[in-house]
Protein backbone atom coordinates (compact mmCIF):
# COMPACT_ATOMS: atom_id res chain seq x y z
CA ALA A 1 0.00 0.00 0.00
CA TYR A 2 1.06 3.55 -0.57
CA VAL A 3 0.92 6.34 1.99
CA ASN A 4 0.80 10.06 1.52
CA ALA A 5 3.42 12.40 2.92
CA GLY A 6 2.54 13.24 6.55
CA ASP A 7 0.28 10.18 7.12
CA VAL A 8 0.82 8.39 10.44
CA VAL A 9 2.26 4.95 9.74
CA ALA A 10 2.80 3.81 13.34
CA ALA A 11 2.64 5.07 16.89
CA ILE A 12 5.46 3.89 19.11
CA GLY A 13 5.70 4.42 22.82
CA ASP A 14 7.02 2.94 26.04
CA LEU A 15 4.02 1.92 28.14
CA GLY A 16 6.19 0.93 31.13
CA ARG A 17 5.95 4.51 32.38
CA VAL A 18 3.11 6.79 31.28
CA ARG A 19 2.40 10.49 31.55
CA VAL A 20 -1.09 11.22 32.86
CA LYS A 21 -2.89 14.57 32.67
CA VAL A 22 -4.93 15.17 35.86
CA PHE A 23 -7.46 18.01 36.01
CA VAL A 24 -7.31 19.61 39.48
CA ASP A 25 -9.89 22.16 40.63
CA GLU A 26 -8.45 25.65 41.04
CA PRO A 27 -8.96 25.92 44.85
CA ASP A 28 -6.96 22.70 45.37
CA LEU A 29 -3.99 23.66 43.17
CA GLY A 30 -2.14 25.44 45.98
CA ARG A 31 -1.45 22.10 47.70
CA VAL A 32 -0.17 20.33 44.56
CA ALA A 33 3.61 20.22 44.30
CA VAL A 34 6.17 18.43 42.14
CA ASP A 35 7.14 14.98 43.49
CA LYS A 36 3.94 14.57 45.55
CA PRO A 37 2.70 10.96 45.39
CA VAL A 38 -0.16 10.06 43.02
CA ILE A 39 -2.40 6.98 43.07
CA LEU A 40 -4.46 6.00 40.02
CA THR A 41 -7.32 3.54 39.72
CA TRP A 42 -9.15 2.50 36.59
CA ASP A 43 -12.74 1.29 36.70
CA ALA A 44 -11.99 -1.26 33.97
CA VAL A 45 -9.49 -3.04 36.27
CA PRO A 46 -11.08 -3.08 39.76
CA GLY A 47 -8.69 -3.44 42.69
CA ARG A 48 -5.61 -2.44 40.68
CA ARG A 49 -3.65 0.68 41.65
CA TRP A 50 -0.86 2.49 39.85
CA THR A 51 1.51 4.83 41.64
CA GLY A 52 3.66 7.72 40.56
CA THR A 53 4.46 11.34 41.28
CA VAL A 54 3.49 14.83 40.16
CA ASP A 55 5.88 15.80 37.37
CA ARG A 56 4.68 19.27 36.42
CA ARG A 57 2.30 21.85 37.88
CA PRO A 58 -0.10 23.69 35.59
CA THR A 59 0.94 26.82 33.75
CA GLN A 60 -2.61 28.14 33.36
CA ILE A 61 -6.20 27.65 34.49
CA VAL A 62 -8.67 26.40 31.88
CA ALA A 63 -12.42 25.84 31.80
CA LEU A 64 -13.59 22.22 31.96
CA GLY A 65 -17.38 22.29 31.75
CA THR A 66 -18.47 24.43 34.71
CA ARG A 67 -15.16 23.94 36.56
CA GLN A 68 -11.93 25.95 36.49
CA VAL A 69 -9.02 23.48 36.52
CA GLY A 70 -5.28 23.23 36.13
CA GLU A 71 -3.71 20.44 34.08
CA VAL A 72 -1.25 18.63 36.36
CA LEU A 73 1.12 16.19 34.63
CA CYS A 74 2.01 13.01 36.52
CA LEU A 75 4.48 10.21 35.78
CA ILE A 76 2.98 6.82 36.58
CA ALA A 77 4.76 3.45 36.73
CA ASN A 78 2.96 0.93 34.52
CA PRO A 79 5.04 -2.27 34.83
CA GLY A 80 2.39 -4.65 33.43
CA GLU A 81 1.56 -2.14 30.67
CA GLU A 82 -2.15 -2.53 31.54
CA LEU A 83 -2.81 1.22 31.67
CA LEU A 84 -3.58 2.29 28.11
CA PRO A 85 -3.18 5.71 26.45
CA GLY A 86 -6.38 7.75 26.28
CA THR A 87 -7.93 5.99 29.27
CA ASN A 88 -10.09 7.90 31.78
CA VAL A 89 -8.78 7.13 35.27
CA ASN A 90 -9.42 8.22 38.85
CA ALA A 91 -6.48 10.13 40.34
CA GLU A 92 -5.63 10.95 43.93
CA ILE A 93 -2.76 13.36 44.58
CA ILE A 94 -1.61 13.04 48.17
CA ALA A 95 -0.72 16.60 49.11
CA GLU A 96 -0.84 16.07 52.86
CA GLN A 97 -1.59 13.19 55.24
CA THR A 98 -2.87 13.22 58.78
CA THR A 99 -3.89 10.33 61.02
CA GLY A 100 -6.05 10.05 64.11
CA VAL A 101 -8.03 13.23 63.39
CA LEU A 102 -11.75 13.94 63.44
CA THR A 103 -13.34 14.71 60.07
CA ILE A 104 -16.84 15.75 59.05
CA PRO A 105 -18.55 16.26 55.67
CA LYS A 106 -17.38 19.53 54.11
CA GLU A 107 -20.93 20.69 53.50
CA ALA A 108 -21.62 20.75 57.28
CA VAL A 109 -19.16 23.63 57.72
CA ARG A 110 -20.77 27.07 57.69
CA ARG A 111 -19.47 30.61 57.77
CA GLU A 112 -21.66 33.00 59.69
CA GLN A 113 -20.82 36.53 60.81
CA GLY A 114 -17.17 36.02 59.89
CA LYS A 115 -16.80 32.82 61.95
CA THR A 116 -16.41 29.21 60.88
CA GLY A 117 -18.51 26.62 62.67
CA VAL A 118 -21.15 23.90 62.55
CA TYR A 119 -24.58 23.29 63.98
CA VAL A 120 -24.38 20.40 66.45
CA LEU A 121 -27.45 18.35 67.36
CA SER A 122 -28.36 18.03 71.03
CA ALA A 123 -27.71 14.67 72.71
CA ASN A 124 -31.46 13.97 73.15
CA ALA A 125 -32.00 10.71 71.22
CA LYS A 126 -35.83 10.82 71.13
CA GLY A 127 -38.19 13.39 69.68
CA PRO A 128 -37.24 16.87 68.54
CA GLN A 129 -33.70 18.01 69.11
CA THR A 130 -32.13 21.42 69.13
CA VAL A 131 -29.15 22.65 67.18
CA SER A 132 -26.47 24.81 68.68
CA TRP A 133 -23.75 26.81 66.94
CA LYS A 134 -20.25 25.60 67.67
CA ALA A 135 -17.13 27.33 66.38
CA VAL A 136 -14.55 24.98 64.86
CA THR A 137 -11.05 25.23 63.48
CA LEU A 138 -10.47 23.61 60.08
CA GLY A 139 -7.44 21.53 59.14
CA THR A 140 -6.58 19.25 56.24
CA ASN A 141 -9.37 18.41 53.80
CA SER A 142 -10.21 16.20 50.86
CA THR A 143 -12.83 16.73 48.20
CA THR A 144 -15.60 15.54 50.54
CA ARG A 145 -14.37 15.77 54.16
CA THR A 146 -12.55 18.28 56.34
CA GLN A 147 -10.58 17.92 59.55
CA VAL A 148 -12.06 19.86 62.48
CA GLU A 149 -10.95 20.82 65.96
CA GLY A 150 -13.58 21.86 68.49
CA LEU A 151 -15.84 18.81 68.21
CA LYS A 152 -15.63 15.43 69.86
CA GLU A 153 -16.11 11.93 68.48
CA GLY A 154 -19.82 11.13 68.23
CA ASP A 155 -21.05 14.73 67.83
CA ALA A 156 -23.81 14.84 65.17
CA VAL A 157 -23.55 17.83 62.87
CA ALA A 158 -26.35 19.26 60.73
CA LEU A 159 -25.99 19.19 56.96
CA PRO A 160 -27.48 21.95 54.77
CA SER A 161 -31.26 21.94 54.40
CA ASP A 162 -33.96 23.96 52.68
CA LYS A 163 -34.56 25.99 55.85
CA PRO A 164 -31.86 28.14 57.43
CA LEU A 165 -30.78 26.98 60.89
CA LYS A 166 -30.47 29.20 63.94
CA ASP A 167 -28.87 28.59 67.32
CA GLY A 168 -31.38 26.86 69.65
CA MET A 169 -33.78 25.91 66.84
CA ALA A 170 -35.83 22.71 67.32
CA VAL A 171 -35.32 20.12 64.55
CA ILE A 172 -36.25 16.54 63.79
CA PRO A 173 -33.08 14.96 62.41
CA GLN A 174 -33.12 12.69 59.37
CA PHE A 175 -30.11 10.35 59.49
CA PRO A 176 -28.90 8.79 56.25
């Protein structure tokens, strides 16, 4: 067969180590640094994890649907060459690790009158309960949870609802 000038005849690459583009939301970019560990999973191969490191931070912020993201480049070891080019994967960049800390859902945290806090449910297990404002200090967070100081293990915090909460308000909690 004949080919025209400029036609691709073959694509050659080393799949033992792959470069992966990870889209990181703009607010989280400040914690991403070169050489931070990265863990990838691929839904097509359940239970398998690939590891690597951040190779390059983004040079600009771009729109991705309704999100503003930076394109972080990561180098990932792929010894079995199972991870294929063009694959959509799940990426976790480990910017910081803490152990033995109390975390709550991020959406429970509120900012009112310049203070950060949560509404904590009273300890009454039956019938209506009351919520009380409790100031907290935030620590490390992930996309869904945040570390807090100022609460104790077992405290139930109120998640956002259709009605605004006020200190001392009576509520009937709905637990998931």
